[in-house]
Amino acid sequence: MSIQQLQIDEIHDLYQAKPADTVWIDVRQPEEWEEGTIPGVQKIVLSELEDHLDRLDKDKTYVMVCRSGGRSGRATQMMSSQGFDKLINFDGGMLAWNEAGYETEAD
């Protein structure tokens, strides 16, 4: 199983397509969420993600988001070790999203 690493253009295309089986999770800290999130994402702090895994559907695809791609990369590794196999790391994270000027919502 390989974790997909998608860049800003691919991520935005996926976001625009809004596949029903795809869940977006932002693993940043609450103070970072206040700076803006991708509209409609779930918010779970990375340090608490493991506690939420039993409530997530392993049949869905998960797009993990953080500030630049590091924490979301760790999140996908953790999820992979717990049997999740449809994982996408947003390489570039919210820095790339904001730089591209895409829509955000305040927390």
N, C-alpha and C. Protein backbone atom coordinates (compact mmCIF):
# COMPACT_ATOMS: atom_id res chain seq x y z
N MET A 1 0.85 -1.19 0.00
CA MET A 1 0.00 0.00 0.00
C MET A 1 0.88 1.24 0.00
N SER A 2 0.61 2.12 -0.89
CA SER A 2 1.35 3.38 -0.88
C SER A 2 0.39 4.52 -0.59
N ILE A 3 0.91 5.47 0.13
CA ILE A 3 0.13 6.66 0.44
C ILE A 3 0.34 7.65 -0.70
N GLN A 4 -0.74 8.13 -1.25
CA GLN A 4 -0.63 9.10 -2.34
C GLN A 4 -0.19 10.46 -1.78
N GLN A 5 0.72 11.09 -2.48
CA GLN A 5 1.16 12.46 -2.15
C GLN A 5 0.64 13.34 -3.28
N LEU A 6 -0.33 14.18 -2.99
CA LEU A 6 -0.88 15.05 -4.02
C LEU A 6 -0.51 16.50 -3.76
N GLN A 7 -0.19 17.20 -4.84
CA GLN A 7 0.16 18.62 -4.80
C GLN A 7 -1.11 19.46 -4.93
N ILE A 8 -0.95 20.75 -4.82
CA ILE A 8 -2.08 21.68 -4.75
C ILE A 8 -3.06 21.54 -5.92
N ASP A 9 -2.59 21.44 -7.16
CA ASP A 9 -3.52 21.38 -8.29
C ASP A 9 -4.37 20.11 -8.24
N GLU A 10 -3.74 18.98 -7.93
CA GLU A 10 -4.48 17.71 -7.84
C GLU A 10 -5.44 17.73 -6.66
N ILE A 11 -4.99 18.30 -5.56
CA ILE A 11 -5.85 18.40 -4.37
C ILE A 11 -7.07 19.26 -4.66
N HIS A 12 -6.86 20.41 -5.31
CA HIS A 12 -7.99 21.29 -5.59
C HIS A 12 -8.96 20.63 -6.57
N ASP A 13 -8.44 19.92 -7.56
CA ASP A 13 -9.32 19.20 -8.49
C ASP A 13 -10.16 18.17 -7.74
N LEU A 14 -9.53 17.44 -6.81
CA LEU A 14 -10.26 16.45 -6.01
C LEU A 14 -11.31 17.13 -5.14
N TYR A 15 -10.95 18.26 -4.54
CA TYR A 15 -11.90 19.00 -3.70
C TYR A 15 -13.10 19.46 -4.53
N GLN A 16 -12.84 19.96 -5.72
CA GLN A 16 -13.91 20.44 -6.59
C GLN A 16 -14.83 19.29 -7.02
N ALA A 17 -14.27 18.10 -7.21
CA ALA A 17 -15.05 16.94 -7.64
C ALA A 17 -15.97 16.43 -6.53
N LYS A 18 -15.57 16.64 -5.28
CA LYS A 18 -16.34 16.23 -4.10
C LYS A 18 -16.84 14.78 -4.15
N PRO A 19 -15.92 13.82 -4.32
CA PRO A 19 -16.37 12.42 -4.31
C PRO A 19 -17.02 12.06 -2.97
N ALA A 20 -18.12 11.34 -3.04
CA ALA A 20 -18.90 11.02 -1.84
C ALA A 20 -18.13 10.14 -0.86
N ASP A 21 -17.18 9.36 -1.35
CA ASP A 21 -16.47 8.43 -0.48
C ASP A 21 -15.17 9.02 0.07
N THR A 22 -15.00 10.33 -0.04
CA THR A 22 -13.78 10.98 0.40
C THR A 22 -14.04 11.89 1.60
N VAL A 23 -13.21 11.72 2.63
CA VAL A 23 -13.31 12.50 3.86
C VAL A 23 -12.03 13.32 4.00
N TRP A 24 -12.18 14.59 4.27
CA TRP A 24 -11.05 15.50 4.46
C TRP A 24 -10.89 15.74 5.96
N ILE A 25 -9.65 15.58 6.47
CA ILE A 25 -9.37 15.80 7.89
C ILE A 25 -8.18 16.73 8.03
N ASP A 26 -8.38 17.81 8.76
CA ASP A 26 -7.33 18.79 9.06
C ASP A 26 -6.78 18.44 10.44
N VAL A 27 -5.48 18.11 10.52
CA VAL A 27 -4.88 17.66 11.77
C VAL A 27 -4.06 18.75 12.47
N ARG A 28 -4.28 20.01 12.08
CA ARG A 28 -3.56 21.11 12.74
C ARG A 28 -4.12 21.39 14.13
N GLN A 29 -3.54 22.36 14.80
CA GLN A 29 -3.98 22.79 16.13
C GLN A 29 -5.15 23.77 16.00
N PRO A 30 -6.00 23.86 17.04
CA PRO A 30 -7.15 24.77 16.99
C PRO A 30 -6.79 26.21 16.64
N GLU A 31 -5.67 26.71 17.14
CA GLU A 31 -5.30 28.09 16.81
C GLU A 31 -4.97 28.24 15.32
N GLU A 32 -4.52 27.16 14.69
CA GLU A 32 -4.27 27.19 13.25
C GLU A 32 -5.59 27.15 12.48
N TRP A 33 -6.56 26.40 12.98
CA TRP A 33 -7.87 26.36 12.34
C TRP A 33 -8.50 27.75 12.29
N GLU A 34 -8.22 28.55 13.33
CA GLU A 34 -8.78 29.91 13.39
C GLU A 34 -8.28 30.76 12.22
N GLU A 35 -7.13 30.42 11.67
CA GLU A 35 -6.57 31.16 10.54
C GLU A 35 -7.27 30.81 9.23
N GLY A 36 -8.10 29.76 9.27
CA GLY A 36 -8.86 29.35 8.10
C GLY A 36 -8.64 27.89 7.76
N THR A 37 -9.72 27.24 7.36
CA THR A 37 -9.66 25.84 6.96
C THR A 37 -10.32 25.69 5.59
N ILE A 38 -10.07 24.57 4.98
CA ILE A 38 -10.76 24.24 3.73
C ILE A 38 -12.23 24.00 4.10
N PRO A 39 -13.16 24.63 3.43
CA PRO A 39 -14.57 24.48 3.80
C PRO A 39 -15.02 23.01 3.82
N GLY A 40 -15.68 22.64 4.93
CA GLY A 40 -16.25 21.32 5.05
C GLY A 40 -15.35 20.24 5.61
N VAL A 41 -14.08 20.56 5.93
CA VAL A 41 -13.20 19.52 6.46
C VAL A 41 -13.54 19.20 7.90
N GLN A 42 -13.24 17.95 8.29
CA GLN A 42 -13.32 17.59 9.70
C GLN A 42 -12.04 18.07 10.35
N LYS A 43 -12.11 18.39 11.63
CA LYS A 43 -10.93 18.86 12.34
C LYS A 43 -10.64 17.91 13.50
N ILE A 44 -9.48 17.27 13.43
CA ILE A 44 -9.03 16.38 14.50
C ILE A 44 -7.55 16.66 14.71
N VAL A 45 -7.18 17.16 15.88
CA VAL A 45 -5.78 17.43 16.19
C VAL A 45 -4.98 16.13 16.06
N LEU A 46 -3.79 16.22 15.45
CA LEU A 46 -2.98 15.02 15.21
C LEU A 46 -2.80 14.18 16.47
N SER A 47 -2.53 14.83 17.61
CA SER A 47 -2.30 14.09 18.85
C SER A 47 -3.52 13.31 19.32
N GLU A 48 -4.70 13.64 18.79
CA GLU A 48 -5.94 12.95 19.18
C GLU A 48 -6.46 12.02 18.09
N LEU A 49 -5.79 11.99 16.94
CA LEU A 49 -6.29 11.23 15.80
C LEU A 49 -6.46 9.75 16.13
N GLU A 50 -5.48 9.15 16.79
CA GLU A 50 -5.55 7.72 17.09
C GLU A 50 -6.81 7.37 17.87
N ASP A 51 -7.25 8.28 18.75
CA ASP A 51 -8.46 8.05 19.55
C ASP A 51 -9.73 8.05 18.70
N HIS A 52 -9.66 8.59 17.48
CA HIS A 52 -10.84 8.69 16.61
C HIS A 52 -10.89 7.60 15.53
N LEU A 53 -9.81 6.85 15.37
CA LEU A 53 -9.72 5.92 14.25
C LEU A 53 -10.81 4.85 14.26
N ASP A 54 -11.24 4.42 15.45
CA ASP A 54 -12.27 3.38 15.51
C ASP A 54 -13.62 3.88 15.01
N ARG A 55 -13.79 5.19 14.88
CA ARG A 55 -15.04 5.77 14.38
C ARG A 55 -14.99 6.11 12.90
N LEU A 56 -13.84 5.88 12.27
CA LEU A 56 -13.69 6.21 10.85
C LEU A 56 -13.88 4.95 10.01
N ASP A 57 -14.50 5.11 8.86
CA ASP A 57 -14.83 4.02 7.94
C ASP A 57 -13.62 3.70 7.06
N LYS A 58 -13.07 2.50 7.22
CA LYS A 58 -11.87 2.11 6.45
C LYS A 58 -12.14 1.97 4.96
N ASP A 59 -13.39 1.96 4.56
CA ASP A 59 -13.71 1.87 3.12
C ASP A 59 -13.64 3.23 2.43
N LYS A 60 -13.58 4.30 3.20
CA LYS A 60 -13.53 5.64 2.61
C LYS A 60 -12.09 6.05 2.30
N THR A 61 -11.96 7.07 1.47
CA THR A 61 -10.67 7.66 1.17
C THR A 61 -10.49 8.87 2.07
N TYR A 62 -9.31 9.01 2.66
CA TYR A 62 -9.04 10.12 3.57
C TYR A 62 -7.96 11.03 2.99
N VAL A 63 -8.29 12.32 2.92
CA VAL A 63 -7.33 13.35 2.52
C VAL A 63 -6.91 14.05 3.81
N MET A 64 -5.64 13.96 4.12
CA MET A 64 -5.13 14.54 5.36
C MET A 64 -4.46 15.88 5.06
N VAL A 65 -4.80 16.88 5.89
CA VAL A 65 -4.37 18.26 5.67
C VAL A 65 -3.68 18.79 6.93
N CYS A 66 -2.59 19.53 6.75
CA CYS A 66 -1.98 20.26 7.85
C CYS A 66 -1.42 21.57 7.29
N ARG A 67 -0.45 22.14 7.94
CA ARG A 67 0.09 23.43 7.49
C ARG A 67 0.90 23.27 6.21
N SER A 68 1.81 22.26 6.17
CA SER A 68 2.69 22.13 5.01
C SER A 68 2.80 20.72 4.46
N GLY A 69 2.32 19.73 5.18
CA GLY A 69 2.37 18.36 4.71
C GLY A 69 3.08 17.40 5.64
N GLY A 70 3.76 17.90 6.65
CA GLY A 70 4.50 17.05 7.58
C GLY A 70 3.61 16.29 8.54
N ARG A 71 2.78 17.01 9.27
CA ARG A 71 1.89 16.34 10.23
C ARG A 71 0.87 15.47 9.52
N SER A 72 0.37 15.93 8.38
CA SER A 72 -0.59 15.09 7.65
C SER A 72 0.10 13.83 7.14
N GLY A 73 1.38 13.92 6.82
CA GLY A 73 2.14 12.73 6.43
C GLY A 73 2.23 11.74 7.59
N ARG A 74 2.49 12.25 8.79
CA ARG A 74 2.52 11.38 9.97
C ARG A 74 1.15 10.76 10.22
N ALA A 75 0.10 11.55 9.99
CA ALA A 75 -1.27 11.05 10.18
C ALA A 75 -1.55 9.89 9.22
N THR A 76 -1.14 10.03 7.95
CA THR A 76 -1.40 8.94 7.00
C THR A 76 -0.61 7.71 7.37
N GLN A 77 0.62 7.88 7.87
CA GLN A 77 1.41 6.72 8.31
C GLN A 77 0.72 6.00 9.47
N MET A 78 0.22 6.76 10.44
CA MET A 78 -0.49 6.19 11.58
C MET A 78 -1.72 5.43 11.11
N MET A 79 -2.49 6.05 10.22
CA MET A 79 -3.71 5.41 9.73
C MET A 79 -3.38 4.15 8.93
N SER A 80 -2.34 4.21 8.14
CA SER A 80 -1.92 3.04 7.36
C SER A 80 -1.58 1.87 8.28
N SER A 81 -0.89 2.15 9.39
CA SER A 81 -0.51 1.10 10.33
C SER A 81 -1.73 0.51 11.04
N GLN A 82 -2.86 1.21 10.98
CA GLN A 82 -4.09 0.74 11.61
C GLN A 82 -5.07 0.14 10.59
N GLY A 83 -4.59 -0.12 9.37
CA GLY A 83 -5.41 -0.81 8.38
C GLY A 83 -6.15 0.05 7.39
N PHE A 84 -5.94 1.36 7.41
CA PHE A 84 -6.55 2.23 6.40
C PHE A 84 -5.67 2.16 5.15
N ASP A 85 -6.30 2.00 3.98
CA ASP A 85 -5.47 1.85 2.78
C ASP A 85 -5.82 2.81 1.65
N LYS A 86 -6.72 3.74 1.91
CA LYS A 86 -7.06 4.76 0.91
C LYS A 86 -6.73 6.12 1.52
N LEU A 87 -5.46 6.48 1.41
CA LEU A 87 -4.96 7.66 2.10
C LEU A 87 -4.25 8.60 1.13
N ILE A 88 -4.52 9.89 1.31
CA ILE A 88 -3.89 10.93 0.50
C ILE A 88 -3.31 11.97 1.44
N ASN A 89 -2.03 12.25 1.27
CA ASN A 89 -1.40 13.34 2.01
C ASN A 89 -1.36 14.57 1.11
N PHE A 90 -1.86 15.68 1.62
CA PHE A 90 -1.84 16.95 0.90
C PHE A 90 -0.46 17.56 1.11
N ASP A 91 0.43 17.30 0.16
CA ASP A 91 1.79 17.79 0.21
C ASP A 91 1.79 19.28 -0.14
N GLY A 92 2.11 20.09 0.84
CA GLY A 92 2.05 21.55 0.66
C GLY A 92 1.06 22.18 1.61
N GLY A 93 0.04 21.42 1.96
CA GLY A 93 -0.92 21.82 2.99
C GLY A 93 -1.55 23.19 2.80
N MET A 94 -1.95 23.75 3.93
CA MET A 94 -2.66 25.02 3.91
C MET A 94 -1.79 26.17 3.41
N LEU A 95 -0.48 26.04 3.53
CA LEU A 95 0.38 27.08 2.96
C LEU A 95 0.15 27.16 1.45
N ALA A 96 0.13 26.01 0.79
CA ALA A 96 -0.09 25.98 -0.66
C ALA A 96 -1.52 26.40 -1.00
N TRP A 97 -2.50 25.95 -0.21
CA TRP A 97 -3.91 26.29 -0.44
C TRP A 97 -4.10 27.81 -0.38
N ASN A 98 -3.54 28.41 0.66
CA ASN A 98 -3.68 29.86 0.83
C ASN A 98 -2.91 30.63 -0.25
N GLU A 99 -1.73 30.15 -0.58
CA GLU A 99 -0.93 30.81 -1.62
C GLU A 99 -1.66 30.81 -2.96
N ALA A 100 -2.41 29.72 -3.23
CA ALA A 100 -3.17 29.62 -4.47
C ALA A 100 -4.43 30.49 -4.44
N GLY A 101 -4.78 30.99 -3.25
CA GLY A 101 -5.95 31.88 -3.14
C GLY A 101 -7.27 31.14 -3.10
N TYR A 102 -7.25 29.85 -2.74
CA TYR A 102 -8.51 29.10 -2.70
C TYR A 102 -9.30 29.45 -1.44
N GLU A 103 -10.59 29.18 -1.53
CA GLU A 103 -11.54 29.54 -0.47
C GLU A 103 -11.21 28.86 0.86
N THR A 104 -11.36 29.62 1.93
CA THR A 104 -11.25 29.07 3.27
C THR A 104 -12.43 29.56 4.09
N GLU A 105 -12.64 28.90 5.22
CA GLU A 105 -13.65 29.36 6.17
C GLU A 105 -12.98 29.50 7.52
N ALA A 106 -13.42 30.47 8.31
CA ALA A 106 -12.88 30.69 9.64
C ALA A 106 -13.54 29.72 10.60
N ASP A 107 -12.76 29.30 11.57
CA ASP A 107 -13.27 28.38 12.59
C ASP A 107 -14.08 29.13 13.62
